[in-house]
């Protein structure tokens, strides 16, 4: 059987001159929307925060209404709705917190540019994101337990 096989021939790059080295130092990576430090990077975290805040206010309103009219929220559909909503917001909050922690480690430890990039504010935001996740997780777990322990 005749099969052609690829051949790789390594080629060395020509040596850099002083002018080439100066040009290479000035080249910056293209700003891609969504990366940190761009306007597109800001809404990524904002959407999670807005979703979490809206969901929490919605649940608070429903709980207050149920208390005022003395009605139980033990309906299977309502418990499933709360469980799914809490699960989605918990996962998104954890993902946002983990992403911000990764960026903080990248800037602080790997690039050693804390002085230029206000690492303290990044670390504070990351800590708050994880605290938000710790706050929403018990709600999900209790709703999930209620949904799973339903009989009949």
Protein backbone atom coordinates (compact mmCIF):
# COMPACT_ATOMS: atom_id res chain seq x y z
CA UNK A 1 0.00 0.00 0.00
CA UNK A 2 1.39 3.38 -1.03
CA UNK A 3 0.81 5.96 1.68
CA UNK A 4 2.47 9.32 1.76
CA UNK A 5 3.97 10.34 5.03
CA UNK A 6 4.41 13.91 6.17
CA UNK A 7 7.93 15.10 6.57
CA UNK A 8 8.92 17.81 9.01
CA UNK A 9 12.04 19.78 8.31
CA UNK A 10 12.95 22.11 11.16
CA UNK A 11 13.94 25.60 10.14
CA UNK A 12 15.88 27.88 12.42
CA UNK A 13 14.73 31.46 12.85
CA UNK A 14 17.20 34.11 11.74
CA UNK A 15 19.03 35.85 14.59
CA UNK A 16 17.41 39.03 15.89
CA UNK A 17 19.08 42.38 15.45
CA UNK A 18 18.81 45.26 17.94
CA UNK A 19 16.05 46.91 15.90
CA UNK A 20 13.99 43.72 15.80
CA UNK A 21 14.28 43.24 19.57
CA UNK A 22 12.94 46.76 20.22
CA UNK A 23 9.97 46.17 17.92
CA UNK A 24 9.17 42.86 19.62
CA UNK A 25 9.14 44.47 23.06
CA UNK A 26 6.50 47.01 21.97
CA UNK A 27 4.12 44.46 20.47
CA UNK A 28 1.09 43.88 22.68
CA UNK A 29 -1.47 41.17 22.50
CA UNK A 30 -4.67 42.25 20.82
CA UNK A 31 -7.42 43.11 23.33
CA UNK A 32 -10.13 40.49 22.97
CA UNK A 33 -13.55 41.35 24.37
CA UNK A 34 -14.17 39.45 27.58
CA UNK A 35 -10.60 39.42 28.81
CA UNK A 36 -9.76 41.25 32.05
CA UNK A 37 -9.26 44.96 31.70
CA UNK A 38 -11.62 45.37 28.75
CA UNK A 39 -15.21 46.64 28.78
CA UNK A 40 -16.37 43.16 27.76
CA UNK A 41 -14.67 41.64 30.80
CA UNK A 42 -16.73 43.75 33.17
CA UNK A 43 -20.20 42.41 32.15
CA UNK A 44 -19.05 38.80 32.64
CA UNK A 45 -18.93 39.29 36.40
CA UNK A 46 -21.79 41.76 36.44
CA UNK A 47 -24.24 39.32 34.85
CA UNK A 48 -23.60 36.78 37.59
CA UNK A 49 -24.00 39.42 40.29
CA UNK A 50 -27.20 40.78 38.76
CA UNK A 51 -28.62 37.27 38.38
CA UNK A 52 -27.77 36.38 41.97
CA UNK A 53 -29.25 39.62 43.33
CA UNK A 54 -32.44 39.32 41.29
CA UNK A 55 -32.93 35.69 42.29
CA UNK A 56 -32.36 36.48 45.98
CA UNK A 57 -34.83 39.38 45.89
CA UNK A 58 -37.40 37.20 44.13
CA UNK A 59 -37.06 34.49 46.78
CA UNK A 60 -37.26 37.04 49.59
CA UNK A 61 -40.45 38.50 48.07
CA UNK A 62 -42.07 35.08 47.72
CA UNK A 63 -41.10 34.14 51.30
CA UNK A 64 -42.46 37.42 52.70
CA UNK A 65 -45.69 37.00 50.75
CA UNK A 66 -46.07 33.40 52.01
CA UNK A 67 -45.55 34.53 55.60
CA UNK A 68 -48.03 37.42 55.28
CA UNK A 69 -50.82 35.26 53.83
CA UNK A 70 -49.86 32.31 56.07
CA UNK A 71 -49.41 29.94 53.20
CA UNK A 72 -47.02 27.01 53.05
CA UNK A 73 -44.58 26.69 50.16
CA UNK A 74 -44.47 22.89 50.34
CA UNK A 75 -45.85 22.52 46.82
CA UNK A 76 -43.62 20.12 44.85
CA UNK A 77 -43.49 22.43 41.81
CA UNK A 78 -42.45 25.42 43.93
CA UNK A 79 -39.76 23.45 45.76
CA UNK A 80 -38.40 22.11 42.45
CA UNK A 81 -38.38 25.64 41.00
CA UNK A 82 -36.49 27.00 44.01
CA UNK A 83 -34.03 24.09 43.93
CA UNK A 84 -33.23 24.49 40.23
CA UNK A 85 -32.91 28.28 40.56
CA UNK A 86 -30.65 28.02 43.60
CA UNK A 87 -28.56 25.35 41.88
CA UNK A 88 -28.06 27.49 38.77
CA UNK A 89 -27.12 30.60 40.75
CA UNK A 90 -24.81 28.57 43.01
CA UNK A 91 -22.99 27.07 40.03
CA UNK A 92 -22.66 30.43 38.26
CA UNK A 93 -21.47 32.15 41.44
CA UNK A 94 -18.87 29.46 42.05
CA UNK A 95 -17.70 29.69 38.44
CA UNK A 96 -17.35 33.47 38.67
CA UNK A 97 -15.49 33.20 41.99
CA UNK A 98 -13.12 30.58 40.59
CA UNK A 99 -12.46 32.63 37.46
CA UNK A 100 -11.69 35.74 39.49
CA UNK A 101 -9.40 33.69 41.74
CA UNK A 102 -7.56 32.44 38.65
CA UNK A 103 -7.07 35.98 37.37
CA UNK A 104 -5.88 37.10 40.81
CA UNK A 105 -3.31 34.29 40.96
CA UNK A 106 -2.21 35.02 37.39
CA UNK A 107 -1.62 38.70 38.06
CA UNK A 108 -0.22 38.34 41.57
CA UNK A 109 1.91 35.21 41.51
CA UNK A 110 2.64 34.41 37.88
CA UNK A 111 3.14 37.87 36.39
CA UNK A 112 4.31 39.63 39.60
CA UNK A 113 2.42 42.79 38.68
CA UNK A 114 0.47 43.46 41.87
CA UNK A 115 1.75 47.00 42.25
CA UNK A 116 0.40 48.03 38.82
CA UNK A 117 -2.95 46.22 39.00
CA UNK A 118 -4.34 46.80 42.53
CA UNK A 119 -4.20 43.17 43.66
CA UNK A 120 -5.84 44.02 46.97
CA UNK A 121 -9.09 44.98 45.23
CA UNK A 122 -8.96 41.80 43.11
CA UNK A 123 -8.41 39.68 46.21
CA UNK A 124 -11.26 41.41 48.03
CA UNK A 125 -13.62 40.88 45.10
CA UNK A 126 -12.62 37.22 44.92
CA UNK A 127 -13.20 36.75 48.64
CA UNK A 128 -16.64 38.39 48.34
CA UNK A 129 -17.52 36.13 45.42
CA UNK A 130 -16.66 33.03 47.44
CA UNK A 131 -18.61 34.38 50.43
CA UNK A 132 -21.59 34.87 48.14
CA UNK A 133 -21.27 31.28 47.00
CA UNK A 134 -21.07 30.09 50.62
CA UNK A 135 -24.24 32.08 51.35
CA UNK A 136 -26.28 30.63 48.47
CA UNK A 137 -25.12 27.02 48.82
CA UNK A 138 -27.08 26.21 52.02
CA UNK A 139 -30.29 27.41 50.38
CA UNK A 140 -29.70 25.04 47.49
CA UNK A 141 -28.81 22.14 49.78
CA UNK A 142 -31.87 22.61 52.03
CA UNK A 143 -34.21 22.95 49.05
CA UNK A 144 -32.65 19.89 47.44
CA UNK A 145 -33.04 17.94 50.68
CA UNK A 146 -36.71 18.98 50.90
CA UNK A 147 -37.31 18.00 47.28
CA UNK A 148 -35.55 14.65 47.68
CA UNK A 149 -37.29 13.73 50.94
CA UNK A 150 -40.77 14.33 49.55
CA UNK A 151 -42.93 11.25 49.93
CA UNK A 152 -45.60 10.04 47.54
